Amino acid sequence: MASSDQRRRELARKKYERQQQRRAEARRKARRRNAVIAAALGVVLVGGVVAAGAGWLSDDGGKDGETVADTPGSTPSAEPTPSESGSPEPEMAIDQKGKYTFAIETNEGPVSIAMDAAKTPHTVNSFKALADKGFFDGTKCHRLTTQGIYVLQCGDPQGDGTGGPGYTIPDENLDALGKAGEDGQVTYPAGTVAMANTGAPDSGGSQFFLVYKDSKLTPTYTPFGTMDKDGLKLVEDVAKAGVEGGASDGAPKKPVTIEKATVPKA
């Protein structure tokens, strides 16, 4: 007769297998959906680089790309595990019950993002540690999407969607936007600021996206902040200028550079 420990291990194994099967099926459905959308929209691959949601990822998969993979024509990215990131996340050094501001000075003006550490302690702690080191200073917001989802993505020191801090942080607050619909998506309201990731669980780094118009996404991107009205207006104006080359997905025609970022306690 099996022991209670053996039964628990067997149940855990079966649960893991079910989870893997569900994820594999979700990936297959996403590939089929994206193939149909890509064919309809005539997605173009330029220089061997694929527009992978909210970040650029080389075809060889040699770099970890933090993405938002729900835009038309997006493709799945490489899925490194947290252990492959190379470094541990920063030690917790914030008031985990406090409220903080992610204050960004850009060449287009200021963006103030309210953050609640009680809801996203790892994300807030990481952003404060990075900002204190000047990690974001001088970086550009490398990608704008104007179709499917409506976001401006920033936070990559490489400026091409492949860069990060050398570590990953866990997903947080994923149920904050309500229950997913039949399409598996929820609405990320305009003004929301959320983490990009590689598509794998707990794979966020430093890249984040600013939602300037309500966008339907799978609830897999940590929503960790809300822009003030002036910040939202700034991103809306950047979006109105469009994407370089007249595309719907790529570098913004109106360049946005983060000149200075700080995370003071509110």
C-alpha atoms as a PDB file:
ATOM      1  CA  MET A   1       0.000   0.000   0.000  1.00  0.00           C
ATOM      2  CA  ALA A   2       1.383   3.402  -0.982  1.00  0.00           C
ATOM      3  CA  SER A   3       2.443   5.719   1.830  1.00  0.00           C
ATOM      4  CA  SER A   4       0.955   9.187   2.253  1.00  0.00           C
ATOM      5  CA  ASP A   5       4.239  10.706   1.011  1.00  0.00           C
ATOM      6  CA  GLN A   6       4.135   8.549  -2.105  1.00  0.00           C
ATOM      7  CA  ARG A   7       0.531   9.550  -2.763  1.00  0.00           C
ATOM      8  CA  ARG A   8       1.413  13.242  -2.373  1.00  0.00           C
ATOM      9  CA  ARG A   9       4.343  12.882  -4.764  1.00  0.00           C
ATOM     10  CA  GLU A  10       2.164  11.061  -7.301  1.00  0.00           C
ATOM     11  CA  LEU A  11      -0.539  13.745  -7.063  1.00  0.00           C
ATOM     12  CA  ALA A  12       2.081  16.485  -7.437  1.00  0.00           C
ATOM     13  CA  ARG A  13       3.552  14.711 -10.472  1.00  0.00           C
ATOM     14  CA  LYS A  14       0.148  14.394 -12.144  1.00  0.00           C
ATOM     15  CA  LYS A  15      -0.654  18.042 -11.408  1.00  0.00           C
ATOM     16  CA  TYR A  16       2.649  19.123 -12.961  1.00  0.00           C
ATOM     17  CA  GLU A  17       1.963  17.002 -16.052  1.00  0.00           C
ATOM     18  CA  ARG A  18      -1.496  18.560 -16.439  1.00  0.00           C
ATOM     19  CA  GLN A  19       0.002  22.042 -16.158  1.00  0.00           C
ATOM     20  CA  GLN A  20       2.607  21.241 -18.802  1.00  0.00           C
ATOM     21  CA  GLN A  21      -0.053  19.833 -21.119  1.00  0.00           C
ATOM     22  CA  ARG A  22      -2.182  22.964 -20.720  1.00  0.00           C
ATOM     23  CA  ARG A  23       0.797  25.217 -21.418  1.00  0.00           C
ATOM     24  CA  ALA A  24       1.789  23.190 -24.468  1.00  0.00           C
ATOM     25  CA  GLU A  25      -1.755  23.368 -25.829  1.00  0.00           C
ATOM     26  CA  ALA A  26      -1.862  27.123 -25.182  1.00  0.00           C
ATOM     27  CA  ARG A  27       1.384  27.556 -27.093  1.00  0.00           C
ATOM     28  CA  ARG A  28       0.046  25.476 -30.003  1.00  0.00           C
ATOM     29  CA  LYS A  29      -3.128  27.568 -30.138  1.00  0.00           C
ATOM     30  CA  ALA A  30      -1.090  30.775 -30.004  1.00  0.00           C
ATOM     31  CA  ARG A  31       1.103  29.594 -32.873  1.00  0.00           C
ATOM     32  CA  ARG A  32      -1.929  28.715 -34.997  1.00  0.00           C
ATOM     33  CA  ARG A  33      -3.618  32.024 -34.193  1.00  0.00           C
ATOM     34  CA  ASN A  34      -0.498  34.031 -34.914  1.00  0.00           C
ATOM     35  CA  ALA A  35       0.091  32.197 -38.184  1.00  0.00           C
ATOM     36  CA  VAL A  36      -3.408  33.086 -39.369  1.00  0.00           C
ATOM     37  CA  ILE A  37      -3.063  36.714 -38.275  1.00  0.00           C
ATOM     38  CA  ALA A  38       0.407  37.027 -39.756  1.00  0.00           C
ATOM     39  CA  ALA A  39      -0.815  35.682 -43.100  1.00  0.00           C
ATOM     40  CA  ALA A  40      -3.696  38.136 -43.104  1.00  0.00           C
ATOM     41  CA  LEU A  41      -1.567  41.129 -42.203  1.00  0.00           C
ATOM     42  CA  GLY A  42       1.440  40.242 -44.343  1.00  0.00           C
ATOM     43  CA  VAL A  43       3.915  40.367 -41.470  1.00  0.00           C
ATOM     44  CA  VAL A  44       7.429  41.149 -42.694  1.00  0.00           C
ATOM     45  CA  LEU A  45      10.589  39.795 -41.122  1.00  0.00           C
ATOM     46  CA  VAL A  46      13.380  42.343 -41.398  1.00  0.00           C
ATOM     47  CA  GLY A  47      17.040  41.328 -41.168  1.00  0.00           C
ATOM     48  CA  GLY A  48      16.194  38.017 -39.508  1.00  0.00           C
ATOM     49  CA  VAL A  49      14.573  39.795 -36.580  1.00  0.00           C
ATOM     50  CA  VAL A  50      11.016  39.056 -35.544  1.00  0.00           C
ATOM     51  CA  ALA A  51       8.697  41.565 -33.928  1.00  0.00           C
ATOM     52  CA  ALA A  52       7.984  39.461 -30.881  1.00  0.00           C
ATOM     53  CA  GLY A  53       5.209  41.272 -29.025  1.00  0.00           C
ATOM     54  CA  ALA A  54       6.834  44.051 -27.052  1.00  0.00           C
ATOM     55  CA  GLY A  55      10.485  43.254 -27.724  1.00  0.00           C
ATOM     56  CA  TRP A  56      12.889  42.261 -30.508  1.00  0.00           C
ATOM     57  CA  LEU A  57      14.394  38.776 -30.369  1.00  0.00           C
ATOM     58  CA  SER A  58      16.985  37.388 -32.778  1.00  0.00           C
ATOM     59  CA  ASP A  59      16.016  34.237 -34.657  1.00  0.00           C
ATOM     60  CA  ASP A  60      18.816  32.209 -33.102  1.00  0.00           C
ATOM     61  CA  GLY A  61      17.274  32.708 -29.652  1.00  0.00           C
ATOM     62  CA  GLY A  62      20.675  33.583 -28.295  1.00  0.00           C
ATOM     63  CA  LYS A  63      19.406  36.516 -26.236  1.00  0.00           C
ATOM     64  CA  ASP A  64      16.636  36.635 -23.682  1.00  0.00           C
ATOM     65  CA  GLY A  65      13.927  38.945 -24.978  1.00  0.00           C
ATOM     66  CA  GLU A  66      11.337  40.370 -22.596  1.00  0.00           C
ATOM     67  CA  THR A  67       8.156  40.538 -24.634  1.00  0.00           C
ATOM     68  CA  VAL A  68       4.450  41.124 -24.748  1.00  0.00           C
ATOM     69  CA  ALA A  69       3.374  38.335 -27.073  1.00  0.00           C
ATOM     70  CA  ASP A  70      -0.225  39.249 -27.810  1.00  0.00           C
ATOM     71  CA  THR A  71       0.201  41.610 -30.725  1.00  0.00           C
ATOM     72  CA  PRO A  72      -0.726  40.586 -34.272  1.00  0.00           C
ATOM     73  CA  GLY A  73       2.113  38.728 -35.927  1.00  0.00           C
ATOM     74  CA  SER A  74       4.001  38.063 -32.710  1.00  0.00           C
ATOM     75  CA  THR A  75       5.906  34.827 -32.260  1.00  0.00           C
ATOM     76  CA  PRO A  76       6.856  32.870 -29.143  1.00  0.00           C
ATOM     77  CA  SER A  77      10.245  33.806 -27.738  1.00  0.00           C
ATOM     78  CA  ALA A  78      12.895  31.748 -26.014  1.00  0.00           C
ATOM     79  CA  GLU A  79      11.868  30.785 -22.501  1.00  0.00           C
ATOM     80  CA  PRO A  80      14.861  30.886 -20.150  1.00  0.00           C
ATOM     81  CA  THR A  81      14.244  29.793 -16.599  1.00  0.00           C
ATOM     82  CA  PRO A  82      15.027  32.120 -13.668  1.00  0.00           C
ATOM     83  CA  SER A  83      18.113  30.045 -12.881  1.00  0.00           C
ATOM     84  CA  GLU A  84      19.531  30.958 -16.306  1.00  0.00           C
ATOM     85  CA  SER A  85      19.441  34.683 -15.589  1.00  0.00           C
ATOM     86  CA  GLY A  86      22.869  34.609 -13.928  1.00  0.00           C
ATOM     87  CA  SER A  87      22.270  36.699 -10.793  1.00  0.00           C
ATOM     88  CA  PRO A  88      19.861  36.725  -7.858  1.00  0.00           C
ATOM     89  CA  GLU A  89      17.324  39.521  -7.580  1.00  0.00           C
ATOM     90  CA  PRO A  90      18.229  42.333  -5.150  1.00  0.00           C
ATOM     91  CA  GLU A  91      17.744  41.698  -1.451  1.00  0.00           C
ATOM     92  CA  MET A  92      14.494  43.117  -0.120  1.00  0.00           C
ATOM     93  CA  ALA A  93      15.233  46.643   1.098  1.00  0.00           C
ATOM     94  CA  ILE A  94      11.922  48.491   0.867  1.00  0.00           C
ATOM     95  CA  ASP A  95       8.949  48.951   3.157  1.00  0.00           C
ATOM     96  CA  GLN A  96       6.751  46.154   1.858  1.00  0.00           C
ATOM     97  CA  LYS A  97       3.641  47.957   3.058  1.00  0.00           C
ATOM     98  CA  GLY A  98       4.645  51.317   1.611  1.00  0.00           C
ATOM     99  CA  LYS A  99       3.724  53.246  -1.502  1.00  0.00           C
ATOM    100  CA  TYR A 100       6.408  54.393  -3.920  1.00  0.00           C
ATOM    101  CA  THR A 101       6.678  56.516  -7.038  1.00  0.00           C
ATOM    102  CA  PHE A 102       8.581  55.495 -10.150  1.00  0.00           C
ATOM    103  CA  ALA A 103       9.511  59.025 -11.257  1.00  0.00           C
ATOM    104  CA  ILE A 104      10.813  59.191 -14.821  1.00  0.00           C
ATOM    105  CA  GLU A 105      12.272  62.274 -16.486  1.00  0.00           C
ATOM    106  CA  THR A 106      12.218  61.879 -20.269  1.00  0.00           C
ATOM    107  CA  ASN A 107      13.225  64.142 -23.138  1.00  0.00           C
ATOM    108  CA  GLU A 108       9.485  64.617 -23.747  1.00  0.00           C
ATOM    109  CA  GLY A 109       8.624  65.427 -20.143  1.00  0.00           C
ATOM    110  CA  PRO A 110       7.992  63.693 -16.794  1.00  0.00           C
ATOM    111  CA  VAL A 111       6.071  60.479 -16.185  1.00  0.00           C
ATOM    112  CA  SER A 112       5.044  59.688 -12.615  1.00  0.00           C
ATOM    113  CA  ILE A 113       4.018  56.107 -11.838  1.00  0.00           C
ATOM    114  CA  ALA A 114       2.332  55.223  -8.527  1.00  0.00           C
ATOM    115  CA  MET A 115       3.372  51.839  -7.098  1.00  0.00           C
ATOM    116  CA  ASP A 116       2.028  49.872  -4.127  1.00  0.00           C
ATOM    117  CA  ALA A 117       4.659  47.636  -2.546  1.00  0.00           C
ATOM    118  CA  ALA A 118       2.002  45.674  -0.685  1.00  0.00           C
ATOM    119  CA  LYS A 119       0.790  44.328  -4.034  1.00  0.00           C
ATOM    120  CA  THR A 120       4.096  44.011  -5.914  1.00  0.00           C
ATOM    121  CA  PRO A 121       6.967  43.993  -3.385  1.00  0.00           C
ATOM    122  CA  HIS A 122       9.507  42.202  -5.607  1.00  0.00           C
ATOM    123  CA  THR A 123       8.833  44.480  -8.562  1.00  0.00           C
ATOM    124  CA  VAL A 124       8.987  47.682  -6.530  1.00  0.00           C
ATOM    125  CA  ASN A 125      12.126  46.539  -4.718  1.00  0.00           C
ATOM    126  CA  SER A 126      13.828  45.655  -8.002  1.00  0.00           C
ATOM    127  CA  PHE A 127      12.919  48.955  -9.659  1.00  0.00           C
ATOM    128  CA  LYS A 128      14.185  50.936  -6.681  1.00  0.00           C
ATOM    129  CA  ALA A 129      17.468  48.989  -6.631  1.00  0.00           C
ATOM    130  CA  LEU A 130      17.934  49.543 -10.382  1.00  0.00           C
ATOM    131  CA  ALA A 131      16.973  53.215 -10.264  1.00  0.00           C
ATOM    132  CA  ASP A 132      19.319  53.846  -7.342  1.00  0.00           C
ATOM    133  CA  LYS A 133      22.165  52.531  -9.528  1.00  0.00           C
ATOM    134  CA  GLY A 134      21.156  54.708 -12.487  1.00  0.00           C
ATOM    135  CA  PHE A 135      20.267  51.614 -14.524  1.00  0.00           C
ATOM    136  CA  PHE A 136      17.465  53.324 -16.476  1.00  0.00           C
ATOM    137  CA  ASP A 137      19.256  56.626 -17.046  1.00  0.00           C
ATOM    138  CA  GLY A 138      20.003  57.280 -20.703  1.00  0.00           C
ATOM    139  CA  THR A 139      17.930  54.346 -21.974  1.00  0.00           C
ATOM    140  CA  LYS A 140      15.365  54.709 -24.733  1.00  0.00           C
ATOM    141  CA  CYS A 141      11.827  53.430 -25.027  1.00  0.00           C
ATOM    142  CA  HIS A 142      12.516  51.085 -27.902  1.00  0.00           C
ATOM    143  CA  ARG A 143       9.101  49.935 -29.047  1.00  0.00           C
ATOM    144  CA  LEU A 144       5.648  51.308 -29.754  1.00  0.00           C
ATOM    145  CA  THR A 145       2.612  49.292 -30.819  1.00  0.00           C
ATOM    146  CA  THR A 146      -0.394  50.948 -32.445  1.00  0.00           C
ATOM    147  CA  GLN A 147      -2.446  47.910 -33.461  1.00  0.00           C
ATOM    148  CA  GLY A 148      -3.737  44.953 -31.451  1.00  0.00           C
ATOM    149  CA  ILE A 149      -2.356  46.302 -28.191  1.00  0.00           C
ATOM    150  CA  TYR A 150      -1.411  49.887 -27.416  1.00  0.00           C
ATOM    151  CA  VAL A 151       1.798  50.177 -25.435  1.00  0.00           C
ATOM    152  CA  LEU A 152       5.146  51.924 -25.281  1.00  0.00           C
ATOM    153  CA  GLN A 153       7.897  49.650 -23.971  1.00  0.00           C
ATOM    154  CA  CYS A 154      10.941  50.899 -22.072  1.00  0.00           C
ATOM    155  CA  GLY A 155      13.569  49.699 -19.606  1.00  0.00           C
ATOM    156  CA  ASP A 156      16.046  47.963 -21.909  1.00  0.00           C
ATOM    157  CA  PRO A 157      19.678  49.117 -21.606  1.00  0.00           C
ATOM    158  CA  GLN A 158      20.399  47.527 -25.019  1.00  0.00           C
ATOM    159  CA  GLY A 159      17.625  49.476 -26.707  1.00  0.00           C
ATOM    160  CA  ASP A 160      16.461  46.552 -28.840  1.00  0.00           C
ATOM    161  CA  GLY A 161      14.299  44.452 -26.532  1.00  0.00           C
ATOM    162  CA  THR A 162      16.990  41.932 -25.598  1.00  0.00           C
ATOM    163  CA  GLY A 163      18.539  43.611 -22.556  1.00  0.00           C
ATOM    164  CA  GLY A 164      17.906  43.216 -18.863  1.00  0.00           C
ATOM    165  CA  PRO A 165      19.441  43.454 -15.396  1.00  0.00           C
ATOM    166  CA  GLY A 166      20.956  39.957 -15.339  1.00  0.00           C
ATOM    167  CA  TYR A 167      18.298  38.495 -13.041  1.00  0.00           C
ATOM    168  CA  THR A 168      14.579  37.786 -13.067  1.00  0.00           C
ATOM    169  CA  ILE A 169      11.800  38.561 -10.611  1.00  0.00           C
ATOM    170  CA  PRO A 170       8.602  36.643  -9.824  1.00  0.00           C
ATOM    171  CA  ASP A 171       5.225  37.480 -11.338  1.00  0.00           C
ATOM    172  CA  GLU A 172       2.953  39.386  -8.967  1.00  0.00           C
ATOM    173  CA  ASN A 173      -0.565  40.807  -8.768  1.00  0.00           C
ATOM    174  CA  LEU A 174      -1.739  38.822 -11.817  1.00  0.00           C
ATOM    175  CA  ASP A 175      -5.347  38.619 -10.596  1.00  0.00           C
ATOM    176  CA  ALA A 176      -5.640  42.385 -10.098  1.00  0.00           C
ATOM    177  CA  LEU A 177      -7.442  42.991 -13.397  1.00  0.00           C
ATOM    178  CA  GLY A 178     -10.175  40.435 -12.901  1.00  0.00           C
ATOM    179  CA  LYS A 179     -11.006  37.020 -14.286  1.00  0.00           C
ATOM    180  CA  ALA A 180      -9.969  36.209 -17.837  1.00  0.00           C
ATOM    181  CA  GLY A 181     -12.708  35.875 -20.426  1.00  0.00           C
ATOM    182  CA  GLU A 182     -13.310  32.953 -22.769  1.00  0.00           C
ATOM    183  CA  ASP A 183     -10.451  34.218 -24.926  1.00  0.00           C
ATOM    184  CA  GLY A 184      -8.099  33.902 -21.955  1.00  0.00           C
ATOM    185  CA  GLN A 185      -7.538  37.662 -21.824  1.00  0.00           C
ATOM    186  CA  VAL A 186      -8.240  40.590 -19.529  1.00  0.00           C
ATOM    187  CA  THR A 187      -8.237  44.315 -20.168  1.00  0.00           C
ATOM    188  CA  TYR A 188      -5.146  46.275 -19.149  1.00  0.00           C
ATOM    189  CA  PRO A 189      -6.674  49.763 -18.821  1.00  0.00           C
ATOM    190  CA  ALA A 190      -5.067  52.888 -20.223  1.00  0.00           C
ATOM    191  CA  GLY A 191      -2.603  54.241 -17.683  1.00  0.00           C
ATOM    192  CA  THR A 192      -1.514  50.797 -16.491  1.00  0.00           C
ATOM    193  CA  VAL A 193       2.209  50.065 -16.239  1.00  0.00           C
ATOM    194  CA  ALA A 194       3.168  46.385 -16.374  1.00  0.00           C
ATOM    195  CA  MET A 195       6.191  44.107 -16.692  1.00  0.00           C
ATOM    196  CA  ALA A 196       7.261  42.587 -19.992  1.00  0.00           C
ATOM    197  CA  ASN A 197       8.589  39.023 -19.844  1.00  0.00           C
ATOM    198  CA  THR A 198       9.873  36.194 -22.023  1.00  0.00           C
ATOM    199  CA  GLY A 199       6.601  34.288 -21.995  1.00  0.00           C
ATOM    200  CA  ALA A 200       7.778  31.954 -19.242  1.00  0.00           C
ATOM    201  CA  PRO A 201       6.526  32.328 -15.656  1.00  0.00           C
ATOM    202  CA  ASP A 202       8.599  34.555 -13.360  1.00  0.00           C
ATOM    203  CA  SER A 203      10.804  35.820 -16.208  1.00  0.00           C
ATOM    204  CA  GLY A 204      10.463  39.602 -15.885  1.00  0.00           C
ATOM    205  CA  GLY A 205      13.611  41.698 -15.684  1.00  0.00           C
ATOM    206  CA  SER A 206      13.767  45.460 -16.194  1.00  0.00           C
ATOM    207  CA  GLN A 207      11.564  46.031 -19.232  1.00  0.00           C
ATOM    208  CA  PHE A 208       8.110  47.466 -18.688  1.00  0.00           C
ATOM    209  CA  PHE A 209       5.299  48.773 -20.856  1.00  0.00           C
ATOM    210  CA  LEU A 210       3.083  51.819 -20.577  1.00  0.00           C
ATOM    211  CA  VAL A 211      -0.494  51.228 -21.717  1.00  0.00           C
ATOM    212  CA  TYR A 212      -1.916  54.328 -23.439  1.00  0.00           C
ATOM    213  CA  LYS A 213      -5.209  52.765 -24.586  1.00  0.00           C
ATOM    214  CA  ASP A 214      -7.217  49.859 -23.150  1.00  0.00           C
ATOM    215  CA  SER A 215      -5.527  46.646 -24.338  1.00  0.00           C
ATOM    216  CA  LYS A 216      -6.577  43.000 -24.189  1.00  0.00           C
ATOM    217  CA  LEU A 217      -3.789  40.732 -22.962  1.00  0.00           C
ATOM    218  CA  THR A 218      -3.390  37.420 -21.215  1.00  0.00           C
ATOM    219  CA  PRO A 219      -3.079  38.037 -17.444  1.00  0.00           C
ATOM    220  CA  THR A 220       0.592  37.044 -17.409  1.00  0.00           C
ATOM    221  CA  TYR A 221       2.205  40.495 -17.189  1.00  0.00           C
ATOM    222  CA  THR A 222       2.616  41.924 -13.694  1.00  0.00           C
ATOM    223  CA  PRO A 223       0.601  45.172 -13.394  1.00  0.00           C
ATOM    224  CA  PHE A 224       2.625  47.179 -10.912  1.00  0.00           C
ATOM    225  CA  GLY A 225       1.817  50.850 -11.396  1.00  0.00           C
ATOM    226  CA  THR A 226      -0.443  53.563 -12.738  1.00  0.00           C
ATOM    227  CA  MET A 227       0.670  56.615 -14.709  1.00  0.00           C
ATOM    228  CA  ASP A 228      -0.432  60.096 -13.753  1.00  0.00           C
ATOM    229  CA  LYS A 229      -2.526  62.101 -16.251  1.00  0.00           C
ATOM    230  CA  ASP A 230       0.453  64.047 -17.592  1.00  0.00           C
ATOM    231  CA  GLY A 231       2.402  60.854 -18.144  1.00  0.00           C
ATOM    232  CA  LEU A 232      -0.495  59.214 -19.967  1.00  0.00           C
ATOM    233  CA  LYS A 233      -0.895  62.307 -22.149  1.00  0.00           C
ATOM    234  CA  LEU A 234       2.819  62.180 -22.996  1.00  0.00           C
ATOM    235  CA  VAL A 235       2.592  58.540 -24.124  1.00  0.00           C
ATOM    236  CA  GLU A 236      -0.593  59.255 -26.095  1.00  0.00           C
ATOM    237  CA  ASP A 237       1.224  62.041 -27.952  1.00  0.00           C
ATOM    238  CA  VAL A 238       4.117  59.697 -28.734  1.00  0.00           C
ATOM    239  CA  ALA A 239       1.634  57.162 -30.075  1.00  0.00           C
ATOM    240  CA  LYS A 240      -0.088  59.764 -32.254  1.00  0.00           C
ATOM    241  CA  ALA A 241       3.233  60.449 -33.980  1.00  0.00           C
ATOM    242  CA  GLY A 242       3.320  56.774 -34.934  1.00  0.00           C
ATOM    243  CA  VAL A 243       6.015  54.206 -35.591  1.00  0.00           C
ATOM    244  CA  GLU A 244       9.101  54.707 -37.731  1.00  0.00           C
ATOM    245  CA  GLY A 245       8.503  53.760 -41.356  1.00  0.00           C
ATOM    246  CA  GLY A 246       4.736  53.898 -40.950  1.00  0.00           C
ATOM    247  CA  ALA A 247       4.555  50.435 -39.354  1.00  0.00           C
ATOM    248  CA  SER A 248       2.247  49.535 -36.482  1.00  0.00           C
ATOM    249  CA  ASP A 249       4.972  47.927 -34.411  1.00  0.00           C
ATOM    250  CA  GLY A 250       8.518  49.182 -33.923  1.00  0.00           C
ATOM    251  CA  ALA A 251      10.596  52.122 -32.759  1.00  0.00           C
ATOM    252  CA  PRO A 252       8.493  55.223 -32.077  1.00  0.00           C
ATOM    253  CA  LYS A 253       8.823  57.988 -34.655  1.00  0.00           C
ATOM    254  CA  LYS A 254       9.040  60.464 -31.778  1.00  0.00           C
ATOM    255  CA  PRO A 255      12.058  59.159 -29.780  1.00  0.00           C
ATOM    256  CA  VAL A 256      11.633  58.844 -26.036  1.00  0.00           C
ATOM    257  CA  THR A 257      14.706  58.638 -23.796  1.00  0.00           C
ATOM    258  CA  ILE A 258      14.655  58.168 -20.034  1.00  0.00           C
ATOM    259  CA  GLU A 259      17.070  60.822 -18.839  1.00  0.00           C
ATOM    260  CA  LYS A 260      16.697  60.074 -15.124  1.00  0.00           C
ATOM    261  CA  ALA A 261      14.629  57.622 -13.049  1.00  0.00           C
ATOM    262  CA  THR A 262      14.180  57.572  -9.278  1.00  0.00           C
ATOM    263  CA  VAL A 263      11.952  55.596  -6.893  1.00  0.00           C
ATOM    264  CA  PRO A 264      11.197  57.692  -3.809  1.00  0.00           C
ATOM    265  CA  LYS A 265       8.768  56.593  -1.127  1.00  0.00           C
ATOM    266  CA  ALA A 266       5.453  58.396  -1.560  1.00  0.00           C
END
